[in-house]
Amino acid sequence: MSKLMTFNELRNLKDSLPDGSMHRIADELGVSVETVRNFFGGQNFQLGQSVGIHLEPGPDGGLVRIDDTTVLDKALAILEEVKAAEAPVAEEEDPAAE
């Protein structure tokens, strides 16, 4: 399934990821770290592969059409994990305190 977003949205997503996320995504997908970086706008095709994104000029850095959202899905899952870990845990009431 393809997705359309601005280049700036894609870069903001990358910048929101915690340290080590590029390596984690690469390990989970069995690709090189440079391939994951290429997904987020890198251009090292000697060490990494093309990742099926197409750039078009436009506002906010241009438009990015993503043919394969696998890397994007992994990145969004990591952000959800971070969000869940940062969410305050509701304290359970102590029935003996009544």
N, C-alpha and C. Protein backbone atom coordinates (compact mmCIF):
# COMPACT_ATOMS: atom_id res chain seq x y z
N MET A 1 0.85 -1.16 0.00
CA MET A 1 0.00 0.00 0.00
C MET A 1 0.91 1.24 0.00
N SER A 2 0.65 2.18 -0.87
CA SER A 2 1.49 3.37 -0.94
C SER A 2 0.94 4.48 -0.04
N LYS A 3 1.81 5.41 0.28
CA LYS A 3 1.45 6.53 1.15
C LYS A 3 2.08 7.78 0.59
N LEU A 4 1.39 8.90 0.73
CA LEU A 4 1.88 10.19 0.27
C LEU A 4 2.03 11.11 1.47
N MET A 5 3.20 11.73 1.60
CA MET A 5 3.44 12.68 2.68
C MET A 5 4.47 13.69 2.20
N THR A 6 4.65 14.77 2.96
CA THR A 6 5.68 15.73 2.57
C THR A 6 7.03 15.24 3.06
N PHE A 7 8.08 15.74 2.42
CA PHE A 7 9.43 15.38 2.82
C PHE A 7 9.69 15.85 4.25
N ASN A 8 9.19 17.04 4.60
CA ASN A 8 9.38 17.54 5.95
C ASN A 8 8.69 16.66 6.99
N GLU A 9 7.52 16.12 6.66
CA GLU A 9 6.84 15.20 7.58
C GLU A 9 7.68 13.94 7.79
N LEU A 10 8.25 13.45 6.71
CA LEU A 10 9.09 12.26 6.79
C LEU A 10 10.33 12.53 7.65
N ARG A 11 10.96 13.68 7.44
CA ARG A 11 12.16 14.04 8.23
C ARG A 11 11.80 14.28 9.70
N ASN A 12 10.64 14.90 9.96
CA ASN A 12 10.22 15.10 11.35
C ASN A 12 9.97 13.77 12.05
N LEU A 13 9.41 12.82 11.32
CA LEU A 13 9.22 11.47 11.87
C LEU A 13 10.56 10.87 12.24
N LYS A 14 11.52 10.95 11.32
CA LYS A 14 12.86 10.42 11.58
C LYS A 14 13.48 11.09 12.80
N ASP A 15 13.36 12.40 12.87
CA ASP A 15 13.96 13.15 13.98
C ASP A 15 13.28 12.84 15.32
N SER A 16 12.05 12.34 15.29
CA SER A 16 11.33 12.00 16.51
C SER A 16 11.70 10.63 17.06
N LEU A 17 12.36 9.82 16.25
CA LEU A 17 12.71 8.47 16.68
C LEU A 17 13.81 8.51 17.73
N PRO A 18 13.76 7.62 18.71
CA PRO A 18 14.83 7.58 19.72
C PRO A 18 16.14 7.06 19.11
N ASP A 19 17.24 7.36 19.81
CA ASP A 19 18.55 6.88 19.36
C ASP A 19 18.52 5.37 19.17
N GLY A 20 19.18 4.91 18.13
CA GLY A 20 19.27 3.48 17.86
C GLY A 20 18.16 2.93 17.00
N SER A 21 17.19 3.76 16.66
CA SER A 21 16.03 3.28 15.89
C SER A 21 16.41 2.82 14.49
N MET A 22 17.34 3.52 13.83
CA MET A 22 17.75 3.13 12.48
C MET A 22 18.33 1.71 12.51
N HIS A 23 19.16 1.44 13.52
CA HIS A 23 19.76 0.11 13.65
C HIS A 23 18.70 -0.94 13.98
N ARG A 24 17.78 -0.59 14.84
CA ARG A 24 16.72 -1.52 15.22
C ARG A 24 15.85 -1.88 14.01
N ILE A 25 15.45 -0.87 13.25
CA ILE A 25 14.63 -1.13 12.07
C ILE A 25 15.40 -2.00 11.07
N ALA A 26 16.67 -1.66 10.85
CA ALA A 26 17.51 -2.44 9.93
C ALA A 26 17.61 -3.89 10.38
N ASP A 27 17.86 -4.10 11.67
CA ASP A 27 17.98 -5.47 12.20
C ASP A 27 16.68 -6.24 12.04
N GLU A 28 15.55 -5.59 12.37
CA GLU A 28 14.26 -6.28 12.30
C GLU A 28 13.86 -6.62 10.87
N LEU A 29 14.30 -5.80 9.91
CA LEU A 29 13.93 -6.03 8.51
C LEU A 29 15.00 -6.78 7.73
N GLY A 30 16.18 -6.97 8.34
CA GLY A 30 17.26 -7.68 7.66
C GLY A 30 17.86 -6.88 6.50
N VAL A 31 17.93 -5.56 6.67
CA VAL A 31 18.53 -4.69 5.66
C VAL A 31 19.64 -3.88 6.31
N SER A 32 20.42 -3.19 5.51
CA SER A 32 21.50 -2.37 6.05
C SER A 32 20.94 -1.09 6.67
N VAL A 33 21.69 -0.53 7.60
CA VAL A 33 21.31 0.74 8.21
C VAL A 33 21.23 1.83 7.15
N GLU A 34 22.13 1.80 6.17
CA GLU A 34 22.12 2.80 5.11
C GLU A 34 20.84 2.72 4.28
N THR A 35 20.30 1.53 4.10
CA THR A 35 19.03 1.38 3.38
C THR A 35 17.91 2.07 4.15
N VAL A 36 17.89 1.91 5.47
CA VAL A 36 16.88 2.58 6.30
C VAL A 36 17.08 4.09 6.21
N ARG A 37 18.32 4.54 6.28
CA ARG A 37 18.59 5.98 6.18
C ARG A 37 18.16 6.52 4.82
N ASN A 38 18.34 5.73 3.76
CA ASN A 38 17.91 6.15 2.43
C ASN A 38 16.39 6.36 2.39
N PHE A 39 15.66 5.56 3.16
CA PHE A 39 14.21 5.72 3.22
C PHE A 39 13.85 7.10 3.75
N PHE A 40 14.63 7.58 4.72
CA PHE A 40 14.35 8.87 5.34
C PHE A 40 15.06 10.02 4.64
N GLY A 41 15.51 9.81 3.43
CA GLY A 41 16.08 10.90 2.64
C GLY A 41 17.56 10.81 2.39
N GLY A 42 18.23 9.82 2.96
CA GLY A 42 19.65 9.63 2.69
C GLY A 42 19.87 9.23 1.25
N GLN A 43 21.10 9.34 0.80
CA GLN A 43 21.38 9.00 -0.60
C GLN A 43 22.68 8.23 -0.74
N ASN A 44 22.91 7.28 0.15
CA ASN A 44 24.10 6.44 0.07
C ASN A 44 23.70 5.12 -0.58
N PHE A 45 23.81 5.07 -1.90
CA PHE A 45 23.38 3.87 -2.61
C PHE A 45 24.53 2.90 -2.85
N GLN A 46 25.74 3.25 -2.40
CA GLN A 46 26.85 2.30 -2.48
C GLN A 46 26.75 1.30 -1.33
N LEU A 47 26.34 1.77 -0.15
CA LEU A 47 26.21 0.89 1.01
C LEU A 47 24.76 0.50 1.30
N GLY A 48 23.82 1.27 0.80
CA GLY A 48 22.40 0.99 1.02
C GLY A 48 21.67 0.86 -0.30
N GLN A 49 20.46 0.34 -0.21
CA GLN A 49 19.66 0.13 -1.42
C GLN A 49 18.58 1.20 -1.55
N SER A 50 18.02 1.27 -2.75
CA SER A 50 16.85 2.12 -2.98
C SER A 50 15.68 1.52 -2.21
N VAL A 51 14.79 2.35 -1.72
CA VAL A 51 13.73 1.85 -0.85
C VAL A 51 12.33 2.13 -1.37
N GLY A 52 12.18 2.50 -2.60
CA GLY A 52 10.85 2.68 -3.17
C GLY A 52 10.15 3.95 -2.75
N ILE A 53 10.91 5.04 -2.65
CA ILE A 53 10.28 6.33 -2.41
C ILE A 53 10.53 7.20 -3.63
N HIS A 54 9.58 8.04 -3.94
CA HIS A 54 9.67 8.92 -5.10
C HIS A 54 9.44 10.35 -4.63
N LEU A 55 10.37 11.23 -4.95
CA LEU A 55 10.30 12.62 -4.51
C LEU A 55 9.81 13.50 -5.65
N GLU A 56 8.93 14.43 -5.33
CA GLU A 56 8.43 15.40 -6.28
C GLU A 56 8.58 16.79 -5.66
N PRO A 57 9.01 17.78 -6.42
CA PRO A 57 9.13 19.13 -5.87
C PRO A 57 7.78 19.65 -5.38
N GLY A 58 7.83 20.45 -4.34
CA GLY A 58 6.61 21.03 -3.80
C GLY A 58 6.86 21.68 -2.47
N PRO A 59 5.81 22.16 -1.82
CA PRO A 59 5.96 22.81 -0.52
C PRO A 59 6.40 21.81 0.55
N ASP A 60 6.94 22.33 1.64
CA ASP A 60 7.39 21.49 2.77
C ASP A 60 8.42 20.46 2.35
N GLY A 61 9.32 20.85 1.46
CA GLY A 61 10.38 19.95 1.03
C GLY A 61 9.99 19.06 -0.12
N GLY A 62 8.77 19.16 -0.58
CA GLY A 62 8.30 18.34 -1.69
C GLY A 62 7.44 17.19 -1.20
N LEU A 63 6.90 16.45 -2.13
CA LEU A 63 6.06 15.31 -1.81
C LEU A 63 6.86 14.02 -1.94
N VAL A 64 6.56 13.10 -1.05
CA VAL A 64 7.20 11.78 -1.07
C VAL A 64 6.11 10.75 -1.24
N ARG A 65 6.23 9.96 -2.29
CA ARG A 65 5.30 8.83 -2.47
C ARG A 65 6.07 7.58 -2.07
N ILE A 66 5.55 6.88 -1.08
CA ILE A 66 6.20 5.70 -0.54
C ILE A 66 5.48 4.48 -1.08
N ASP A 67 6.19 3.68 -1.88
CA ASP A 67 5.58 2.48 -2.46
C ASP A 67 5.44 1.35 -1.45
N ASP A 68 6.46 1.17 -0.61
CA ASP A 68 6.47 0.11 0.38
C ASP A 68 6.59 0.76 1.76
N THR A 69 5.57 0.65 2.57
CA THR A 69 5.53 1.35 3.85
C THR A 69 6.13 0.55 5.01
N THR A 70 6.85 -0.53 4.72
CA THR A 70 7.38 -1.39 5.79
C THR A 70 8.26 -0.62 6.76
N VAL A 71 9.21 0.18 6.26
CA VAL A 71 10.08 0.96 7.14
C VAL A 71 9.26 1.99 7.90
N LEU A 72 8.35 2.65 7.21
CA LEU A 72 7.48 3.64 7.85
C LEU A 72 6.66 2.99 8.97
N ASP A 73 6.11 1.82 8.71
CA ASP A 73 5.31 1.13 9.72
C ASP A 73 6.14 0.78 10.95
N LYS A 74 7.38 0.34 10.74
CA LYS A 74 8.27 0.03 11.87
C LYS A 74 8.56 1.30 12.67
N ALA A 75 8.84 2.40 11.98
CA ALA A 75 9.13 3.66 12.66
C ALA A 75 7.93 4.12 13.48
N LEU A 76 6.75 4.03 12.92
CA LEU A 76 5.54 4.44 13.64
C LEU A 76 5.29 3.54 14.85
N ALA A 77 5.60 2.25 14.72
CA ALA A 77 5.44 1.33 15.85
C ALA A 77 6.40 1.70 16.98
N ILE A 78 7.63 2.08 16.63
CA ILE A 78 8.60 2.50 17.65
C ILE A 78 8.09 3.75 18.37
N LEU A 79 7.56 4.70 17.61
CA LEU A 79 7.03 5.92 18.23
C LEU A 79 5.86 5.60 19.16
N GLU A 80 5.03 4.64 18.80
CA GLU A 80 3.92 4.22 19.67
C GLU A 80 4.44 3.59 20.95
N GLU A 81 5.53 2.80 20.84
CA GLU A 81 6.14 2.21 22.04
C GLU A 81 6.64 3.30 22.97
N VAL A 82 7.30 4.30 22.40
CA VAL A 82 7.83 5.40 23.20
C VAL A 82 6.68 6.15 23.88
N LYS A 83 5.64 6.40 23.12
CA LYS A 83 4.47 7.12 23.66
C LYS A 83 3.84 6.32 24.80
N ALA A 84 3.71 5.02 24.63
CA ALA A 84 3.11 4.17 25.67
C ALA A 84 4.00 4.14 26.92
N ALA A 85 5.31 4.13 26.72
CA ALA A 85 6.22 4.09 27.86
C ALA A 85 6.21 5.41 28.63
N GLU A 86 5.94 6.50 27.95
CA GLU A 86 5.92 7.81 28.60
C GLU A 86 4.58 8.15 29.22
N ALA A 87 3.54 7.41 28.87
CA ALA A 87 2.21 7.69 29.40
C ALA A 87 2.19 7.41 30.91
N PRO A 88 1.56 8.29 31.66
CA PRO A 88 1.50 8.06 33.11
C PRO A 88 0.69 6.81 33.42
N VAL A 89 1.18 6.05 34.37
CA VAL A 89 0.50 4.83 34.78
C VAL A 89 -0.49 5.20 35.87
N ALA A 90 -1.73 4.80 35.68
CA ALA A 90 -2.75 5.08 36.69
C ALA A 90 -2.46 4.25 37.93
N GLU A 91 -2.46 4.91 39.07
CA GLU A 91 -2.21 4.19 40.32
C GLU A 91 -3.48 3.47 40.74
N GLU A 92 -3.28 2.23 41.17
CA GLU A 92 -4.42 1.48 41.65
C GLU A 92 -4.70 1.91 43.09
N GLU A 93 -5.98 1.96 43.42
CA GLU A 93 -6.34 2.33 44.77
C GLU A 93 -6.09 1.16 45.70
N ASP A 94 -5.60 1.46 46.86
CA ASP A 94 -5.34 0.45 47.88
C ASP A 94 -6.62 0.23 48.67
N PRO A 95 -7.27 -0.95 48.55
CA PRO A 95 -8.53 -1.17 49.27
C PRO A 95 -8.35 -1.13 50.78
N ALA A 96 -7.14 -1.39 51.28
CA ALA A 96 -6.90 -1.38 52.72
C ALA A 96 -6.83 0.05 53.26
N ALA A 97 -6.68 1.03 52.37
CA ALA A 97 -6.57 2.42 52.79
C ALA A 97 -7.90 3.03 53.17
N GLU A 98 -8.96 2.35 52.89
CA GLU A 98 -10.30 2.90 53.19
C GLU A 98 -10.66 2.77 54.62
